[in-house]
Protein backbone atom coordinates (compact mmCIF):
# COMPACT_ATOMS: atom_id res chain seq x y z
CA MET A 1 -9.91 -6.51 -28.27
CA ILE A 2 -9.79 -5.75 -24.55
CA ARG A 3 -9.47 -2.30 -23.03
CA HIS A 4 -8.45 -1.88 -19.38
CA ILE A 5 -9.41 1.30 -17.58
CA GLN A 6 -8.22 1.77 -14.03
CA TYR A 7 -9.70 4.30 -11.65
CA VAL A 8 -8.58 5.87 -8.41
CA LEU A 9 -11.49 6.12 -6.02
CA ALA A 10 -11.64 8.98 -3.53
CA GLY A 11 -14.20 10.14 -1.01
CA LEU A 12 -15.99 6.95 -0.31
CA ILE A 13 -15.38 6.68 -4.02
CA LEU A 14 -14.29 9.39 -6.49
CA LEU A 15 -12.94 8.72 -9.93
CA GLY A 16 -9.76 9.80 -11.68
CA LEU A 17 -7.93 8.32 -14.65
CA SER A 18 -4.78 6.31 -14.05
CA PRO A 19 -1.82 6.13 -16.44
CA ARG A 20 -2.60 2.43 -17.19
CA ALA A 21 -5.76 3.38 -19.06
CA PHE A 22 -6.01 3.04 -22.81
CA ALA A 23 -9.08 5.25 -23.11
CA GLY A 24 -10.24 8.58 -21.74
CA VAL A 25 -12.80 8.87 -18.95
CA THR A 26 -15.31 11.60 -18.21
CA GLU A 27 -16.94 11.23 -14.82
CA ILE A 28 -20.63 12.06 -15.14
CA GLN A 29 -21.46 10.93 -11.60
CA ALA A 30 -19.05 9.41 -9.06
CA LEU A 31 -19.80 6.02 -7.48
CA GLN A 32 -20.38 6.71 -3.78
CA PHE A 33 -21.65 4.52 -0.94
CA GLY A 34 -22.73 7.44 1.30
CA GLU A 35 -21.86 8.44 4.87
CA TYR A 36 -22.33 5.97 7.73
CA ILE A 37 -21.31 5.16 11.27
CA VAL A 38 -20.15 1.56 11.57
CA THR A 39 -21.90 0.59 14.82
CA HIS A 40 -20.74 -3.03 14.89
CA ASN A 41 -17.90 -4.87 13.22
CA ASP A 42 -18.50 -8.24 14.89
CA ALA A 43 -19.59 -9.73 11.55
CA VAL A 44 -19.38 -8.74 7.89
CA TYR A 45 -21.95 -6.00 7.18
CA SER A 46 -22.66 -4.59 3.73
CA ILE A 47 -23.63 -1.41 1.91
CA THR A 48 -24.81 -1.92 -1.68
CA VAL A 49 -25.37 0.65 -4.42
CA ASN A 50 -27.10 -0.81 -7.47
CA VAL A 51 -26.88 0.42 -11.06
CA GLY A 52 -30.08 2.43 -10.59
CA GLY A 53 -28.57 4.26 -7.60
CA VAL A 54 -30.68 2.48 -4.97
CA VAL A 55 -28.69 2.07 -1.75
CA THR A 56 -29.29 -0.70 0.77
CA TYR A 57 -27.35 -1.41 3.95
CA ASP A 58 -27.43 -3.73 6.93
CA PRO A 59 -28.93 -1.73 9.85
CA ALA A 60 -27.32 -4.16 12.33
CA GLY A 61 -23.91 -2.78 11.35
CA PHE A 62 -24.52 0.78 10.16
CA ILE A 63 -26.31 4.02 10.98
CA GLU A 64 -26.82 6.17 7.90
CA ILE A 65 -25.63 9.77 8.35
CA ALA A 66 -26.21 11.15 4.85
CA ALA A 67 -28.07 9.45 2.02
CA THR A 68 -25.45 10.40 -0.56
CA GLY A 69 -24.87 6.98 -2.09
CA GLN A 70 -25.16 6.80 -5.88
CA ASP A 71 -24.10 4.61 -8.77
CA GLY A 72 -21.20 5.73 -10.92
CA ILE A 73 -21.76 6.96 -14.47
CA TYR A 74 -18.71 7.24 -16.72
CA ASP A 75 -18.26 8.11 -20.38
CA ILE A 76 -15.34 6.12 -21.80
CA ASP A 77 -13.93 7.63 -25.00
CA GLY A 78 -11.13 6.81 -27.42
CA LEU A 79 -12.69 3.43 -28.18
CA PRO A 80 -13.31 2.06 -31.68
CA ALA A 81 -16.38 3.77 -33.22
CA SER A 82 -19.63 1.83 -33.65
CA THR A 83 -18.12 -1.37 -32.26
CA ALA A 84 -20.12 -4.02 -30.39
CA ILE A 85 -19.24 -4.40 -26.69
CA THR A 86 -19.33 -8.08 -25.74
CA SER A 87 -18.89 -7.57 -21.99
CA VAL A 88 -17.70 -5.25 -19.25
CA VAL A 89 -15.89 -6.66 -16.21
CA ILE A 90 -15.31 -4.61 -13.07
CA SER A 91 -12.92 -5.65 -10.31
CA GLN A 92 -11.37 -4.19 -7.17
CA THR A 93 -7.64 -3.56 -7.42
CA THR A 94 -7.33 -1.90 -3.98
CA PRO A 95 -9.94 -2.08 -1.20
CA LEU A 96 -11.48 1.07 0.28
CA THR A 97 -8.99 1.99 2.99
CA SER A 98 -7.88 4.91 5.11
CA GLY A 99 -4.76 3.71 6.87
CA GLY A 100 -6.09 0.84 8.94
CA LEU A 101 -9.21 -1.19 8.35
CA SER A 102 -10.66 -1.47 4.88
CA PHE A 103 -13.92 -2.19 3.12
CA GLN A 104 -13.81 -4.89 0.44
CA MET A 105 -15.63 -3.93 -2.77
CA ASN A 106 -17.30 -6.84 -4.52
CA THR A 107 -20.47 -7.96 -6.31
CA PHE A 108 -20.00 -5.32 -8.99
CA THR A 109 -22.92 -4.55 -11.26
CA GLU A 110 -22.81 -2.57 -14.47
CA SER A 111 -24.82 -1.56 -17.47
CA HIS A 112 -23.41 -0.61 -20.86
CA PRO A 113 -24.66 0.03 -24.37
CA ALA A 114 -24.62 -2.74 -26.99
CA SER A 115 -21.90 -0.83 -28.87
CA THR A 116 -19.85 2.33 -28.77
CA ASP A 117 -21.36 5.34 -30.51
CA GLY A 118 -20.10 6.86 -33.76
CA ALA A 119 -17.50 8.87 -31.83
CA GLY A 120 -16.14 5.81 -29.98
CA VAL A 121 -17.79 6.61 -26.64
CA ALA A 122 -19.57 4.18 -24.30
CA GLN A 123 -21.40 5.18 -21.12
CA ILE A 124 -20.86 2.67 -18.31
CA ARG A 125 -22.92 2.65 -15.10
CA VAL A 126 -21.33 0.98 -12.06
CA GLY A 127 -22.75 -0.34 -8.79
CA ALA A 128 -21.02 -2.36 -6.05
CA THR A 129 -21.14 -3.72 -2.52
CA ALA A 130 -18.74 -2.61 0.23
CA ASP A 131 -18.24 -5.07 3.13
CA THR A 132 -16.81 -4.45 6.59
CA SER A 133 -13.99 -6.70 7.82
CA GLY A 134 -16.06 -8.33 10.58
CA ASN A 135 -12.96 -8.61 12.78
CA GLY A 136 -14.37 -6.71 15.80
CA VAL A 137 -12.02 -3.72 15.45
CA PRO A 138 -13.85 -0.36 15.20
CA TYR A 139 -13.66 1.76 12.05
CA LEU A 140 -12.31 5.30 12.38
CA ASP A 141 -14.22 8.39 11.24
CA ARG A 142 -12.47 8.91 7.91
CA THR A 143 -12.91 8.94 4.16
CA TYR A 144 -12.04 5.56 2.65
CA ASN A 145 -10.37 5.36 -0.77
CA GLY A 146 -9.70 2.46 -3.12
CA MET A 147 -9.23 1.49 -6.74
CA LEU A 148 -11.18 -0.49 -9.27
CA GLU A 149 -10.60 -1.54 -12.83
CA ILE A 150 -13.10 -1.59 -15.69
CA GLN A 151 -12.32 -3.97 -18.54
CA ILE A 152 -14.26 -3.46 -21.78
CA ASN A 153 -14.28 -6.46 -24.12
CA PHE A 154 -15.05 -6.09 -27.82
């Protein structure tokens, strides 16, 4: 059995449930990359948030403004109770954008329990990398939004 859960990301990333989802989502902590100034876009530069919430970034391309990056923690409900989870796959459906340049989300990391609990809930932690375009065009001072999808395989 495969469950697809699609999220709308806001802020640098904020979560909300989309109508395509087959399960309910409670956001415990939103996945966020933090606040930065993109100082150079002459190459691809990255910001990474791991599943433990540790944030790393390439200082050649960014100046950190606020250390607000954090991994995402989401309770997924409406799943079969006490059922083994074989894998969780996370993918970008829309890059982080704000009407112009975008950041590509990739290298997703996640952690999940071995099975859903007795109520059919699984807590999924999500980390990711956001890459600049590297095309030389400056990024505007804006909030960038995107979408990702979480697929839970049973």
